[in-house]
Amino acid sequence: MVVGLKTLNTINAEVIATGILFKVTTRELQFCTHYLSTEARSHHCFVLHAQQRNDYCAVATCQMILCYYRYYYTQDQIAPALNYTPGGGCPSDQSAGYHNLSNNHIIATFDNTPTFAEAKAQIDSLHPFKTGITGHARACAGYSTNSWYNIVTSQNLKIYDPWPWNPDLKLGGSVYWEDWNAVTHTNYVFTRLDY
């Protein structure tokens, strides 16, 4: 599905076996349409960046999200805007930093009562977001659900984790699917462009 300059890769699979209906829905932020996919300049809209310092998880997460919206900063430029303190990291609510770094074009909203439904709505709207867990920040750019009939059996988020850290932001970090119920999500920072 193409919406504006961003696309959303959607996979729906239904299998009927011995009268049981199984459904998988997967959505991930994918490719830009402003360049043809065969051109050398074509690229993913959302890419992993490792945190370049041991306690730069929120900084690297912000960098990934800002890059998605085409705002390019180094992690050392981003850290002060998020109120980073050495050894202490960043506060949970970094929304003002997103706003300031985007010249007031990104609306960022802090939410300390995260739900899977909110995460799903963000991705469906083509907006990546920060998801906080105890002592760590990561970016989210996708979700997946499995269900039998209409009963949801699993909910997963596509996590772009800036850990493990590496001075070369292209060499660290990891991307994985995370079961929503496997960890406690402590907060979100939702993002969207303000036109």
Protein backbone atom coordinates (compact mmCIF):
# COMPACT_ATOMS: atom_id res chain seq x y z
CA MET A 1 0.00 0.00 0.00
CA VAL A 2 1.49 3.36 -0.99
CA VAL A 3 0.62 6.40 1.11
CA GLY A 4 2.46 9.64 0.37
CA LEU A 5 6.21 9.11 0.28
CA LYS A 6 6.19 6.07 2.53
CA THR A 7 4.97 2.54 1.99
CA LEU A 8 3.75 -0.09 4.36
CA ASN A 9 4.51 -3.71 3.61
CA THR A 10 1.40 -5.67 4.58
CA ILE A 11 1.16 -9.43 4.66
CA ASN A 12 -2.13 -11.13 5.42
CA ALA A 13 -2.26 -14.89 5.34
CA GLU A 14 -5.28 -17.03 6.03
CA VAL A 15 -5.11 -20.79 6.22
CA ILE A 16 -8.14 -22.99 6.62
CA ALA A 17 -7.20 -26.45 7.84
CA THR A 18 -9.72 -28.90 9.24
CA GLY A 19 -12.20 -26.08 9.73
CA ILE A 20 -9.85 -23.85 11.77
CA LEU A 21 -9.05 -20.37 10.45
CA PHE A 22 -5.55 -19.07 11.20
CA LYS A 23 -4.65 -15.49 10.25
CA VAL A 24 -1.30 -13.67 10.30
CA THR A 25 -1.07 -9.91 9.74
CA THR A 26 2.35 -8.29 9.43
CA ARG A 27 3.04 -4.62 8.75
CA GLU A 28 6.47 -2.99 8.48
CA LEU A 29 7.62 0.45 7.42
CA GLN A 30 9.45 -0.26 4.17
CA PHE A 31 10.63 1.64 1.12
CA CYS A 32 10.42 5.20 -0.16
CA THR A 33 8.71 5.79 -3.48
CA HIS A 34 10.59 8.98 -4.30
CA TYR A 35 13.25 6.91 -6.13
CA LEU A 36 12.66 3.83 -8.22
CA SER A 37 13.77 0.66 -6.45
CA THR A 38 16.25 -0.10 -9.26
CA GLU A 39 18.14 3.17 -8.81
CA ALA A 40 21.33 3.28 -6.76
CA ARG A 41 19.89 6.14 -4.67
CA SER A 42 16.93 4.06 -3.46
CA HIS A 43 17.02 3.16 0.21
CA HIS A 44 14.97 1.93 3.14
CA CYS A 45 12.95 4.52 4.98
CA PHE A 46 13.82 2.97 8.33
CA VAL A 47 17.28 1.63 9.15
CA LEU A 48 19.08 0.45 12.26
CA HIS A 49 21.64 2.72 13.94
CA ALA A 50 23.73 1.42 16.82
CA GLN A 51 24.19 3.60 19.86
CA GLN A 52 27.69 5.02 19.60
CA ARG A 53 28.16 5.22 23.38
CA ASN A 54 27.21 2.81 26.12
CA ASP A 55 24.31 4.97 27.36
CA TYR A 56 23.14 6.50 24.06
CA CYS A 57 20.16 4.18 23.50
CA ALA A 58 17.57 6.98 23.47
CA VAL A 59 19.91 9.14 21.39
CA ALA A 60 20.37 6.42 18.74
CA THR A 61 16.62 5.71 18.78
CA CYS A 62 15.92 9.38 18.15
CA GLN A 63 18.50 9.37 15.34
CA MET A 64 16.74 6.45 13.61
CA ILE A 65 13.36 8.16 13.83
CA LEU A 66 14.69 11.56 12.72
CA CYS A 67 16.40 9.92 9.71
CA TYR A 68 13.06 8.38 8.73
CA TYR A 69 11.62 11.90 8.54
CA ARG A 70 14.80 13.13 6.73
CA TYR A 71 16.39 15.07 9.59
CA TYR A 72 20.05 14.14 9.81
CA TYR A 73 22.09 14.70 12.96
CA THR A 74 24.99 12.96 14.64
CA GLN A 75 24.31 11.30 17.96
CA ASP A 76 26.50 13.89 19.70
CA GLN A 77 24.29 16.63 18.21
CA ILE A 78 21.11 14.86 19.31
CA ALA A 79 22.17 14.14 22.93
CA PRO A 80 21.87 17.71 24.29
CA ALA A 81 18.42 18.18 22.72
CA LEU A 82 17.21 15.08 24.60
CA ASN A 83 18.66 16.36 27.90
CA TYR A 84 21.21 13.56 27.98
CA THR A 85 23.52 13.47 31.00
CA PRO A 86 26.72 11.34 31.00
CA GLY A 87 26.18 8.20 33.06
CA GLY A 88 22.51 9.06 33.51
CA GLY A 89 21.24 8.74 29.96
CA CYS A 90 18.07 10.54 28.90
CA PRO A 91 14.79 11.18 30.71
CA SER A 92 11.81 9.09 29.61
CA ASP A 93 10.04 12.03 27.99
CA GLN A 94 12.26 13.17 25.13
CA SER A 95 9.42 14.60 23.04
CA ALA A 96 10.67 18.20 23.18
CA GLY A 97 13.98 17.12 21.65
CA TYR A 98 12.27 15.58 18.61
CA HIS A 99 10.27 18.76 18.15
CA ASN A 100 13.30 21.07 18.43
CA LEU A 101 15.58 18.97 16.19
CA SER A 102 12.96 18.98 13.43
CA ASN A 103 12.54 22.77 13.45
CA ASN A 104 9.11 22.22 15.03
CA HIS A 105 7.92 19.94 12.20
CA ILE A 106 7.68 16.69 14.17
CA ILE A 107 4.98 16.40 16.78
CA ALA A 108 6.27 14.02 19.45
CA THR A 109 4.00 12.84 22.24
CA PHE A 110 5.09 11.05 25.40
CA ASP A 111 2.85 8.21 26.64
CA ASN A 112 3.61 6.36 29.89
CA THR A 113 0.72 3.91 29.49
CA PRO A 114 1.70 2.08 26.27
CA THR A 115 -0.60 -0.47 24.65
CA PHE A 116 -0.25 -2.74 21.64
CA ALA A 117 -3.27 -1.05 20.03
CA GLU A 118 -1.45 2.29 20.15
CA ALA A 119 1.66 0.74 18.60
CA LYS A 120 -0.44 -0.78 15.82
CA ALA A 121 -2.15 2.56 15.13
CA GLN A 122 1.23 4.33 14.86
CA ILE A 123 2.56 1.84 12.31
CA ASP A 124 -0.71 1.85 10.37
CA SER A 125 -0.28 5.65 10.16
CA LEU A 126 3.30 5.18 8.86
CA HIS A 127 4.92 6.65 11.98
CA PRO A 128 7.82 4.95 13.77
CA PHE A 129 8.07 5.50 17.51
CA LYS A 130 10.31 5.05 20.53
CA THR A 131 9.38 2.24 22.89
CA GLY A 132 10.92 2.32 26.34
CA ILE A 133 11.53 -0.64 28.59
CA THR A 134 13.17 -0.44 32.01
CA GLY A 135 16.50 1.33 31.50
CA HIS A 136 16.50 1.11 27.69
CA ALA A 137 15.07 2.78 24.57
CA ARG A 138 14.45 1.22 21.16
CA ALA A 139 12.65 2.16 17.96
CA CYS A 140 9.63 0.33 16.58
CA ALA A 141 8.77 0.18 12.86
CA GLY A 142 6.41 -2.77 12.50
CA TYR A 143 3.93 -5.14 14.11
CA SER A 144 2.58 -8.63 13.59
CA THR A 145 -0.46 -10.46 14.95
CA ASN A 146 -1.53 -14.09 14.80
CA SER A 147 -5.08 -15.24 15.45
CA TRP A 148 -7.25 -18.35 15.41
CA TYR A 149 -10.66 -17.41 14.10
CA ASN A 150 -10.90 -13.88 15.52
CA ILE A 151 -9.05 -14.58 18.77
CA VAL A 152 -5.60 -12.98 18.83
CA THR A 153 -2.98 -15.50 19.95
CA SER A 154 0.17 -13.39 19.65
CA GLN A 155 1.18 -9.77 19.17
CA ASN A 156 4.71 -8.77 18.17
CA LEU A 157 6.61 -5.54 17.53
CA LYS A 158 9.46 -5.09 15.03
CA ILE A 159 12.20 -3.66 17.25
CA TYR A 160 15.22 -1.73 16.03
CA ASP A 161 17.44 -2.05 19.09
CA PRO A 162 20.54 0.19 19.15
CA TRP A 163 22.26 -2.25 21.55
CA PRO A 164 24.92 -3.60 21.50
CA TRP A 165 26.68 -0.28 21.20
CA ASN A 166 29.46 0.34 18.70
CA PRO A 167 31.34 3.54 17.81
CA ASP A 168 30.46 2.73 14.18
CA LEU A 169 26.68 3.09 14.09
CA LYS A 170 26.49 0.64 11.16
CA LEU A 171 28.13 -2.23 13.07
CA GLY A 172 26.14 -2.55 16.29
CA GLY A 173 22.52 -2.97 17.24
CA SER A 174 20.02 -5.62 16.21
CA VAL A 175 16.61 -5.96 14.59
CA TYR A 176 14.15 -8.56 15.86
CA TRP A 177 10.51 -9.42 16.46
CA GLU A 178 9.52 -9.10 20.12
CA ASP A 179 6.50 -10.72 21.74
CA TRP A 180 4.45 -7.88 23.24
CA ASN A 181 3.87 -9.90 26.42
CA ALA A 182 7.54 -10.88 26.87
CA VAL A 183 8.62 -7.47 28.21
CA THR A 184 7.08 -4.56 30.07
CA HIS A 185 6.86 -1.48 27.89
CA THR A 186 7.24 1.54 30.18
CA ASN A 187 6.65 4.37 27.71
CA TYR A 188 6.33 5.46 24.10
CA VAL A 189 7.31 8.62 22.26
CA PHE A 190 4.91 8.82 19.32
CA THR A 191 5.92 10.87 16.28
CA ARG A 192 4.22 12.43 13.30
CA LEU A 193 4.95 15.26 10.90
CA ASP A 194 3.15 18.54 11.44
CA TYR A 195 2.50 19.95 7.99
